[in-house]
Amino acid sequence: MPYLTIEKKANIFAEFGGKATNTGSIEGQVALLTVRIAEISKHLQANKKDHSTQRGLMQMVGKRKRLLTYMQKTNLQGYRALIEKLGLRK
């Protein structure tokens, strides 16, 4: 059973992207990556030798970082609101 169902994805994009069908929004993509990163981190705590999953996690973290950097350059207020809502930086 997948940890991220269609309904959960739709809820994430509805909450962060405005509409459930707005899957291209940067806010929605960052939120989805954040959820996936959290789930994979839990998996890796139990399976420390799963190196291929660890590589995929690092790729996702890099993609989220690139999206956040782009958002910071283009929409600073939206960037700050998203960081606050997701609780990424302290």
PDB file of N, CA and C in Angstrom:
ATOM      1  N   MET A   1       0.835  -1.176   0.000  1.00  0.00           N
ATOM      2  CA  MET A   1       0.000   0.000   0.000  1.00  0.00           C
ATOM      3  C   MET A   1       0.886   1.249   0.000  1.00  0.00           C
ATOM      4  N   PRO A   2       0.714   2.117  -0.960  1.00  0.00           N
ATOM      5  CA  PRO A   2       1.574   3.300  -1.024  1.00  0.00           C
ATOM      6  C   PRO A   2       1.257   4.287   0.101  1.00  0.00           C
ATOM      7  N   TYR A   3       2.282   4.983   0.552  1.00  0.00           N
ATOM      8  CA  TYR A   3       2.091   5.935   1.644  1.00  0.00           C
ATOM      9  C   TYR A   3       1.490   7.239   1.156  1.00  0.00           C
ATOM     10  N   LEU A   4       1.505   7.491  -0.162  1.00  0.00           N
ATOM     11  CA  LEU A   4       0.993   8.730  -0.712  1.00  0.00           C
ATOM     12  C   LEU A   4      -0.081   8.398  -1.744  1.00  0.00           C
ATOM     13  N   THR A   5      -1.329   8.402  -1.326  1.00  0.00           N
ATOM     14  CA  THR A   5      -2.431   8.061  -2.216  1.00  0.00           C
ATOM     15  C   THR A   5      -2.836   9.275  -3.045  1.00  0.00           C
ATOM     16  N   ILE A   6      -3.707   9.051  -3.990  1.00  0.00           N
ATOM     17  CA  ILE A   6      -4.184  10.124  -4.859  1.00  0.00           C
ATOM     18  C   ILE A   6      -4.910  11.191  -4.038  1.00  0.00           C
ATOM     19  N   GLU A   7      -5.676  10.762  -3.044  1.00  0.00           N
ATOM     20  CA  GLU A   7      -6.409  11.710  -2.207  1.00  0.00           C
ATOM     21  C   GLU A   7      -5.456  12.579  -1.382  1.00  0.00           C
ATOM     22  N   LYS A   8      -4.393  11.960  -0.854  1.00  0.00           N
ATOM     23  CA  LYS A   8      -3.430  12.726  -0.075  1.00  0.00           C
ATOM     24  C   LYS A   8      -2.718  13.758  -0.948  1.00  0.00           C
ATOM     25  N   LYS A   9      -2.346  13.347  -2.169  1.00  0.00           N
ATOM     26  CA  LYS A   9      -1.704  14.290  -3.090  1.00  0.00           C
ATOM     27  C   LYS A   9      -2.640  15.437  -3.421  1.00  0.00           C
ATOM     28  N   ALA A  10      -3.904  15.116  -3.689  1.00  0.00           N
ATOM     29  CA  ALA A  10      -4.889  16.154  -4.008  1.00  0.00           C
ATOM     30  C   ALA A  10      -5.052  17.111  -2.830  1.00  0.00           C
ATOM     31  N   ASN A  11      -5.052  16.593  -1.608  1.00  0.00           N
ATOM     32  CA  ASN A  11      -5.161  17.449  -0.426  1.00  0.00           C
ATOM     33  C   ASN A  11      -3.949  18.363  -0.283  1.00  0.00           C
ATOM     34  N   ILE A  12      -2.767  17.835  -0.551  1.00  0.00           N
ATOM     35  CA  ILE A  12      -1.547  18.644  -0.464  1.00  0.00           C
ATOM     36  C   ILE A  12      -1.590  19.773  -1.476  1.00  0.00           C
ATOM     37  N   PHE A  13      -1.957  19.451  -2.729  1.00  0.00           N
ATOM     38  CA  PHE A  13      -1.990  20.487  -3.753  1.00  0.00           C
ATOM     39  C   PHE A  13      -3.132  21.467  -3.525  1.00  0.00           C
ATOM     40  N   ALA A  14      -4.237  21.004  -2.947  1.00  0.00           N
ATOM     41  CA  ALA A  14      -5.338  21.915  -2.635  1.00  0.00           C
ATOM     42  C   ALA A  14      -4.937  22.882  -1.527  1.00  0.00           C
ATOM     43  N   GLU A  15      -4.193  22.386  -0.544  1.00  0.00           N
ATOM     44  CA  GLU A  15      -3.795  23.229   0.577  1.00  0.00           C
ATOM     45  C   GLU A  15      -2.712  24.225   0.192  1.00  0.00           C
ATOM     46  N   PHE A  16      -1.724  23.780  -0.571  1.00  0.00           N
ATOM     47  CA  PHE A  16      -0.575  24.633  -0.852  1.00  0.00           C
ATOM     48  C   PHE A  16      -0.611  25.258  -2.248  1.00  0.00           C
ATOM     49  N   GLY A  17      -1.237  24.592  -3.214  1.00  0.00           N
ATOM     50  CA  GLY A  17      -1.218  25.094  -4.579  1.00  0.00           C
ATOM     51  C   GLY A  17      -2.459  25.848  -4.995  1.00  0.00           C
ATOM     52  N   GLY A  18      -3.449  25.930  -4.129  1.00  0.00           N
ATOM     53  CA  GLY A  18      -4.672  26.635  -4.475  1.00  0.00           C
ATOM     54  C   GLY A  18      -5.794  25.697  -4.864  1.00  0.00           C
ATOM     55  N   LYS A  19      -5.549  24.854  -5.871  1.00  0.00           N
ATOM     56  CA  LYS A  19      -6.533  23.868  -6.318  1.00  0.00           C
ATOM     57  C   LYS A  19      -5.878  22.494  -6.346  1.00  0.00           C
ATOM     58  N   ALA A  20      -6.711  21.461  -6.314  1.00  0.00           N
ATOM     59  CA  ALA A  20      -6.179  20.100  -6.342  1.00  0.00           C
ATOM     60  C   ALA A  20      -5.563  19.774  -7.695  1.00  0.00           C
ATOM     61  N   THR A  21      -6.005  20.461  -8.745  1.00  0.00           N
ATOM     62  CA  THR A  21      -5.487  20.193 -10.089  1.00  0.00           C
ATOM     63  C   THR A  21      -4.270  21.038 -10.432  1.00  0.00           C
ATOM     64  N   ASN A  22      -3.877  21.948  -9.546  1.00  0.00           N
ATOM     65  CA  ASN A  22      -2.740  22.833  -9.800  1.00  0.00           C
ATOM     66  C   ASN A  22      -1.447  22.149  -9.359  1.00  0.00           C
ATOM     67  N   THR A  23      -1.073  21.104 -10.075  1.00  0.00           N
ATOM     68  CA  THR A  23       0.096  20.317  -9.687  1.00  0.00           C
ATOM     69  C   THR A  23       1.407  20.953 -10.118  1.00  0.00           C
ATOM     70  N   GLY A  24       1.358  22.013 -10.876  1.00  0.00           N
ATOM     71  CA  GLY A  24       2.580  22.671 -11.329  1.00  0.00           C
ATOM     72  C   GLY A  24       3.035  23.790 -10.432  1.00  0.00           C
ATOM     73  N   SER A  25       2.264  24.128  -9.420  1.00  0.00           N
ATOM     74  CA  SER A  25       2.642  25.239  -8.547  1.00  0.00           C
ATOM     75  C   SER A  25       3.880  24.865  -7.738  1.00  0.00           C
ATOM     76  N   ILE A  26       4.739  25.828  -7.558  1.00  0.00           N
ATOM     77  CA  ILE A  26       5.981  25.586  -6.831  1.00  0.00           C
ATOM     78  C   ILE A  26       5.677  25.233  -5.379  1.00  0.00           C
ATOM     79  N   GLU A  27       4.703  25.915  -4.788  1.00  0.00           N
ATOM     80  CA  GLU A  27       4.362  25.656  -3.394  1.00  0.00           C
ATOM     81  C   GLU A  27       3.892  24.217  -3.211  1.00  0.00           C
ATOM     82  N   GLY A  28       3.054  23.742  -4.128  1.00  0.00           N
ATOM     83  CA  GLY A  28       2.556  22.376  -4.050  1.00  0.00           C
ATOM     84  C   GLY A  28       3.657  21.352  -4.246  1.00  0.00           C
ATOM     85  N   GLN A  29       4.560  21.629  -5.190  1.00  0.00           N
ATOM     86  CA  GLN A  29       5.662  20.699  -5.432  1.00  0.00           C
ATOM     87  C   GLN A  29       6.584  20.606  -4.223  1.00  0.00           C
ATOM     88  N   VAL A  30       6.880  21.750  -3.598  1.00  0.00           N
ATOM     89  CA  VAL A  30       7.746  21.751  -2.419  1.00  0.00           C
ATOM     90  C   VAL A  30       7.071  21.005  -1.271  1.00  0.00           C
ATOM     91  N   ALA A  31       5.766  21.216  -1.097  1.00  0.00           N
ATOM     92  CA  ALA A  31       5.039  20.525  -0.027  1.00  0.00           C
ATOM     93  C   ALA A  31       5.027  19.019  -0.267  1.00  0.00           C
ATOM     94  N   LEU A  32       4.815  18.611  -1.512  1.00  0.00           N
ATOM     95  CA  LEU A  32       4.808  17.184  -1.833  1.00  0.00           C
ATOM     96  C   LEU A  32       6.186  16.567  -1.596  1.00  0.00           C
ATOM     97  N   LEU A  33       7.230  17.261  -2.018  1.00  0.00           N
ATOM     98  CA  LEU A  33       8.583  16.761  -1.775  1.00  0.00           C
ATOM     99  C   LEU A  33       8.876  16.668  -0.285  1.00  0.00           C
ATOM    100  N   THR A  34       8.371  17.611   0.498  1.00  0.00           N
ATOM    101  CA  THR A  34       8.593  17.588   1.933  1.00  0.00           C
ATOM    102  C   THR A  34       7.946  16.362   2.563  1.00  0.00           C
ATOM    103  N   VAL A  35       6.740  16.029   2.128  1.00  0.00           N
ATOM    104  CA  VAL A  35       6.055  14.839   2.652  1.00  0.00           C
ATOM    105  C   VAL A  35       6.817  13.582   2.258  1.00  0.00           C
ATOM    106  N   ARG A  36       7.248  13.515   0.992  1.00  0.00           N
ATOM    107  CA  ARG A  36       7.990  12.336   0.531  1.00  0.00           C
ATOM    108  C   ARG A  36       9.324  12.200   1.258  1.00  0.00           C
ATOM    109  N   ILE A  37      10.013  13.312   1.490  1.00  0.00           N
ATOM    110  CA  ILE A  37      11.290  13.283   2.197  1.00  0.00           C
ATOM    111  C   ILE A  37      11.104  12.775   3.623  1.00  0.00           C
ATOM    112  N   ALA A  38      10.036  13.205   4.279  1.00  0.00           N
ATOM    113  CA  ALA A  38       9.771  12.751   5.651  1.00  0.00           C
ATOM    114  C   ALA A  38       9.521  11.248   5.682  1.00  0.00           C
ATOM    115  N   GLU A  39       8.754  10.728   4.724  1.00  0.00           N
ATOM    116  CA  GLU A  39       8.458   9.293   4.695  1.00  0.00           C
ATOM    117  C   GLU A  39       9.717   8.472   4.406  1.00  0.00           C
ATOM    118  N   ILE A  40      10.519   8.936   3.468  1.00  0.00           N
ATOM    119  CA  ILE A  40      11.741   8.195   3.121  1.00  0.00           C
ATOM    120  C   ILE A  40      12.748   8.259   4.261  1.00  0.00           C
ATOM    121  N   SER A  41      12.773   9.366   4.982  1.00  0.00           N
ATOM    122  CA  SER A  41      13.671   9.465   6.138  1.00  0.00           C
ATOM    123  C   SER A  41      13.305   8.445   7.199  1.00  0.00           C
ATOM    124  N   LYS A  42      12.001   8.254   7.414  1.00  0.00           N
ATOM    125  CA  LYS A  42      11.562   7.225   8.370  1.00  0.00           C
ATOM    126  C   LYS A  42      12.000   5.840   7.906  1.00  0.00           C
ATOM    127  N   HIS A  43      11.879   5.581   6.595  1.00  0.00           N
ATOM    128  CA  HIS A  43      12.290   4.292   6.037  1.00  0.00           C
ATOM    129  C   HIS A  43      13.783   4.070   6.247  1.00  0.00           C
ATOM    130  N   LEU A  44      14.572   5.116   6.017  1.00  0.00           N
ATOM    131  CA  LEU A  44      16.017   4.963   6.129  1.00  0.00           C
ATOM    132  C   LEU A  44      16.487   4.808   7.576  1.00  0.00           C
ATOM    133  N   GLN A  45      15.720   5.288   8.526  1.00  0.00           N
ATOM    134  CA  GLN A  45      16.099   5.075   9.922  1.00  0.00           C
ATOM    135  C   GLN A  45      16.007   3.595  10.280  1.00  0.00           C
ATOM    136  N   ALA A  46      15.067   2.889   9.666  1.00  0.00           N
ATOM    137  CA  ALA A  46      14.919   1.462   9.929  1.00  0.00           C
ATOM    138  C   ALA A  46      15.821   0.617   9.034  1.00  0.00           C
ATOM    139  N   ASN A  47      16.147   1.114   7.838  1.00  0.00           N
ATOM    140  CA  ASN A  47      16.951   0.371   6.861  1.00  0.00           C
ATOM    141  C   ASN A  47      18.185   1.188   6.493  1.00  0.00           C
ATOM    142  N   LYS A  48      19.169   1.158   7.349  1.00  0.00           N
ATOM    143  CA  LYS A  48      20.341   2.014   7.191  1.00  0.00           C
ATOM    144  C   LYS A  48      21.200   1.670   5.976  1.00  0.00           C
ATOM    145  N   LYS A  49      21.138   0.460   5.489  1.00  0.00           N
ATOM    146  CA  LYS A  49      22.001   0.055   4.379  1.00  0.00           C
ATOM    147  C   LYS A  49      21.323   0.164   3.016  1.00  0.00           C
ATOM    148  N   ASP A  50      20.188   0.808   2.940  1.00  0.00           N
ATOM    149  CA  ASP A  50      19.462   0.983   1.683  1.00  0.00           C
ATOM    150  C   ASP A  50      20.041   2.196   0.951  1.00  0.00           C
ATOM    151  N   HIS A  51      21.142   1.978   0.249  1.00  0.00           N
ATOM    152  CA  HIS A  51      21.885   3.077  -0.358  1.00  0.00           C
ATOM    153  C   HIS A  51      21.168   3.668  -1.568  1.00  0.00           C
ATOM    154  N   SER A  52      20.429   2.876  -2.313  1.00  0.00           N
ATOM    155  CA  SER A  52      19.733   3.423  -3.472  1.00  0.00           C
ATOM    156  C   SER A  52      18.612   4.374  -3.046  1.00  0.00           C
ATOM    157  N   THR A  53      17.943   4.050  -1.968  1.00  0.00           N
ATOM    158  CA  THR A  53      16.917   4.953  -1.451  1.00  0.00           C
ATOM    159  C   THR A  53      17.552   6.205  -0.878  1.00  0.00           C
ATOM    160  N   GLN A  54      18.709   6.066  -0.281  1.00  0.00           N
ATOM    161  CA  GLN A  54      19.417   7.222   0.256  1.00  0.00           C
ATOM    162  C   GLN A  54      19.815   8.181  -0.868  1.00  0.00           C
ATOM    163  N   ARG A  55      20.216   7.625  -1.997  1.00  0.00           N
ATOM    164  CA  ARG A  55      20.561   8.458  -3.150  1.00  0.00           C
ATOM    165  C   ARG A  55      19.324   9.193  -3.668  1.00  0.00           C
ATOM    166  N   GLY A  56      18.200   8.492  -3.736  1.00  0.00           N
ATOM    167  CA  GLY A  56      16.958   9.128  -4.164  1.00  0.00           C
ATOM    168  C   GLY A  56      16.534  10.236  -3.212  1.00  0.00           C
ATOM    169  N   LEU A  57      16.759  10.021  -1.916  1.00  0.00           N
ATOM    170  CA  LEU A  57      16.438  11.046  -0.923  1.00  0.00           C
ATOM    171  C   LEU A  57      17.285  12.293  -1.153  1.00  0.00           C
ATOM    172  N   MET A  58      18.560  12.109  -1.408  1.00  0.00           N
ATOM    173  CA  MET A  58      19.438  13.254  -1.644  1.00  0.00           C
ATOM    174  C   MET A  58      19.025  14.017  -2.907  1.00  0.00           C
ATOM    175  N   GLN A  59      18.568  13.300  -3.927  1.00  0.00           N
ATOM    176  CA  GLN A  59      18.087  13.951  -5.139  1.00  0.00           C
ATOM    177  C   GLN A  59      16.835  14.780  -4.851  1.00  0.00           C
ATOM    178  N   MET A  60      15.933  14.239  -4.037  1.00  0.00           N
ATOM    179  CA  MET A  60      14.714  14.976  -3.690  1.00  0.00           C
ATOM    180  C   MET A  60      15.034  16.217  -2.865  1.00  0.00           C
ATOM    181  N   VAL A  61      15.961  16.097  -1.944  1.00  0.00           N
ATOM    182  CA  VAL A  61      16.355  17.246  -1.130  1.00  0.00           C
ATOM    183  C   VAL A  61      16.959  18.327  -2.032  1.00  0.00           C
ATOM    184  N   GLY A  62      17.769  17.923  -2.998  1.00  0.00           N
ATOM    185  CA  GLY A  62      18.355  18.883  -3.927  1.00  0.00           C
ATOM    186  C   GLY A  62      17.311  19.563  -4.792  1.00  0.00           C
ATOM    187  N   LYS A  63      16.333  18.805  -5.253  1.00  0.00           N
ATOM    188  CA  LYS A  63      15.268  19.384  -6.069  1.00  0.00           C
ATOM    189  C   LYS A  63      14.448  20.381  -5.256  1.00  0.00           C
ATOM    190  N   ARG A  64      14.138  20.017  -4.007  1.00  0.00           N
ATOM    191  CA  ARG A  64      13.378  20.931  -3.147  1.00  0.00           C
ATOM    192  C   ARG A  64      14.181  22.200  -2.904  1.00  0.00           C
ATOM    193  N   LYS A  65      15.479  22.062  -2.712  1.00  0.00           N
ATOM    194  CA  LYS A  65      16.332  23.227  -2.486  1.00  0.00           C
ATOM    195  C   LYS A  65      16.349  24.142  -3.705  1.00  0.00           C
ATOM    196  N   ARG A  66      16.430  23.550  -4.907  1.00  0.00           N
ATOM    197  CA  ARG A  66      16.417  24.362  -6.127  1.00  0.00           C
ATOM    198  C   ARG A  66      15.089  25.088  -6.303  1.00  0.00           C
ATOM    199  N   LEU A  67      13.991  24.410  -6.026  1.00  0.00           N
ATOM    200  CA  LEU A  67      12.678  25.047  -6.124  1.00  0.00           C
ATOM    201  C   LEU A  67      12.537  26.187  -5.115  1.00  0.00           C
ATOM    202  N   LEU A  68      13.016  25.970  -3.899  1.00  0.00           N
ATOM    203  CA  LEU A  68      12.941  27.016  -2.886  1.00  0.00           C
ATOM    204  C   LEU A  68      13.826  28.207  -3.240  1.00  0.00           C
ATOM    205  N   THR A  69      14.984  27.952  -3.832  1.00  0.00           N
ATOM    206  CA  THR A  69      15.859  29.043  -4.255  1.00  0.00           C
ATOM    207  C   THR A  69      15.189  29.869  -5.345  1.00  0.00           C
ATOM    208  N   TYR A  70      14.553  29.205  -6.305  1.00  0.00           N
ATOM    209  CA  TYR A  70      13.832  29.917  -7.361  1.00  0.00           C
ATOM    210  C   TYR A  70      12.695  30.739  -6.763  1.00  0.00           C
ATOM    211  N   MET A  71      11.961  30.151  -5.844  1.00  0.00           N
ATOM    212  CA  MET A  71      10.845  30.855  -5.232  1.00  0.00           C
ATOM    213  C   MET A  71      11.323  32.048  -4.418  1.00  0.00           C
ATOM    214  N   GLN A  72      12.448  31.902  -3.760  1.00  0.00           N
ATOM    215  CA  GLN A  72      13.002  32.998  -2.974  1.00  0.00           C
ATOM    216  C   GLN A  72      13.369  34.180  -3.871  1.00  0.00           C
ATOM    217  N   LYS A  73      13.857  33.903  -5.068  1.00  0.00           N
ATOM    218  CA  LYS A  73      14.231  34.964  -5.993  1.00  0.00           C
ATOM    219  C   LYS A  73      13.018  35.639  -6.623  1.00  0.00           C
ATOM    220  N   THR A  74      11.948  34.891  -6.844  1.00  0.00           N
ATOM    221  CA  THR A  74      10.810  35.438  -7.572  1.00  0.00           C
ATOM    222  C   THR A  74       9.683  35.933  -6.669  1.00  0.00           C
ATOM    223  N   ASN A  75       9.464  35.293  -5.518  1.00  0.00           N
ATOM    224  CA  ASN A  75       8.330  35.626  -4.659  1.00  0.00           C
ATOM    225  C   ASN A  75       8.766  35.475  -3.208  1.00  0.00           C
ATOM    226  N   LEU A  76       9.390  36.504  -2.666  1.00  0.00           N
ATOM    227  CA  LEU A  76       9.983  36.416  -1.339  1.00  0.00           C
ATOM    228  C   LEU A  76       8.928  36.254  -0.242  1.00  0.00           C
ATOM    229  N   GLN A  77       7.809  36.971  -0.338  1.00  0.00           N
ATOM    230  CA  GLN A  77       6.776  36.844   0.690  1.00  0.00           C
ATOM    231  C   GLN A  77       6.152  35.453   0.673  1.00  0.00           C
ATOM    232  N   GLY A  78       5.897  34.927  -0.517  1.00  0.00           N
ATOM    233  CA  GLY A  78       5.369  33.575  -0.633  1.00  0.00           C
ATOM    234  C   GLY A  78       6.347  32.533  -0.122  1.00  0.00           C
ATOM    235  N   TYR A  79       7.628  32.756  -0.378  1.00  0.00           N
ATOM    236  CA  TYR A  79       8.681  31.866   0.110  1.00  0.00           C
ATOM    237  C   TYR A  79       8.680  31.826   1.637  1.00  0.00           C
ATOM    238  N   ARG A  80       8.639  33.001   2.253  1.00  0.00           N
ATOM    239  CA  ARG A  80       8.656  33.056   3.718  1.00  0.00           C
ATOM    240  C   ARG A  80       7.415  32.411   4.312  1.00  0.00           C
ATOM    241  N   ALA A  81       6.267  32.614   3.674  1.00  0.00           N
ATOM    242  CA  ALA A  81       5.026  32.016   4.171  1.00  0.00           C
ATOM    243  C   ALA A  81       5.082  30.490   4.059  1.00  0.00           C
ATOM    244  N   LEU A  82       5.625  29.993   2.938  1.00  0.00           N
ATOM    245  CA  LEU A  82       5.714  28.550   2.734  1.00  0.00           C
ATOM    246  C   LEU A  82       6.664  27.911   3.734  1.00  0.00           C
ATOM    247  N   ILE A  83       7.808  28.526   3.968  1.00  0.00           N
ATOM    248  CA  ILE A  83       8.776  28.015   4.928  1.00  0.00           C
ATOM    249  C   ILE A  83       8.143  27.958   6.320  1.00  0.00           C
ATOM    250  N   GLU A  84       7.396  29.006   6.659  1.00  0.00           N
ATOM    251  CA  GLU A  84       6.731  29.043   7.963  1.00  0.00           C
ATOM    252  C   GLU A  84       5.674  27.956   8.076  1.00  0.00           C
ATOM    253  N   LYS A  85       4.893  27.762   7.002  1.00  0.00           N
ATOM    254  CA  LYS A  85       3.798  26.793   7.019  1.00  0.00           C
ATOM    255  C   LYS A  85       4.321  25.352   7.087  1.00  0.00           C
ATOM    256  N   LEU A  86       5.410  25.077   6.358  1.00  0.00           N
ATOM    257  CA  LEU A  86       5.975  23.730   6.352  1.00  0.00           C
ATOM    258  C   LEU A  86       6.902  23.478   7.532  1.00  0.00           C
ATOM    259  N   GLY A  87       7.395  24.543   8.158  1.00  0.00           N
ATOM    260  CA  GLY A  87       8.301  24.389   9.281  1.00  0.00           C
ATOM    261  C   GLY A  87       9.658  23.861   8.870  1.00  0.00           C
ATOM    262  N   LEU A  88      10.187  24.358   7.753  1.00  0.00           N
ATOM    263  CA  LEU A  88      11.456  23.828   7.250  1.00  0.00           C
ATOM    264  C   LEU A  88      12.667  24.460   7.944  1.00  0.00           C
ATOM    265  N   ARG A  89      12.677  25.766   8.077  1.00  0.00           N
ATOM    266  CA  ARG A  89      13.844  26.428   8.670  1.00  0.00           C
ATOM    267  C   ARG A  89      13.469  26.986  10.024  1.00  0.00           C
ATOM    268  N   LYS A  90      14.449  27.047  10.883  1.00  0.00           N
ATOM    269  CA  LYS A  90      14.162  27.508  12.246  1.00  0.00           C
ATOM    270  C   LYS A  90      14.782  28.848  12.507  1.00  0.00           C
TER     271      LYS A  90
END
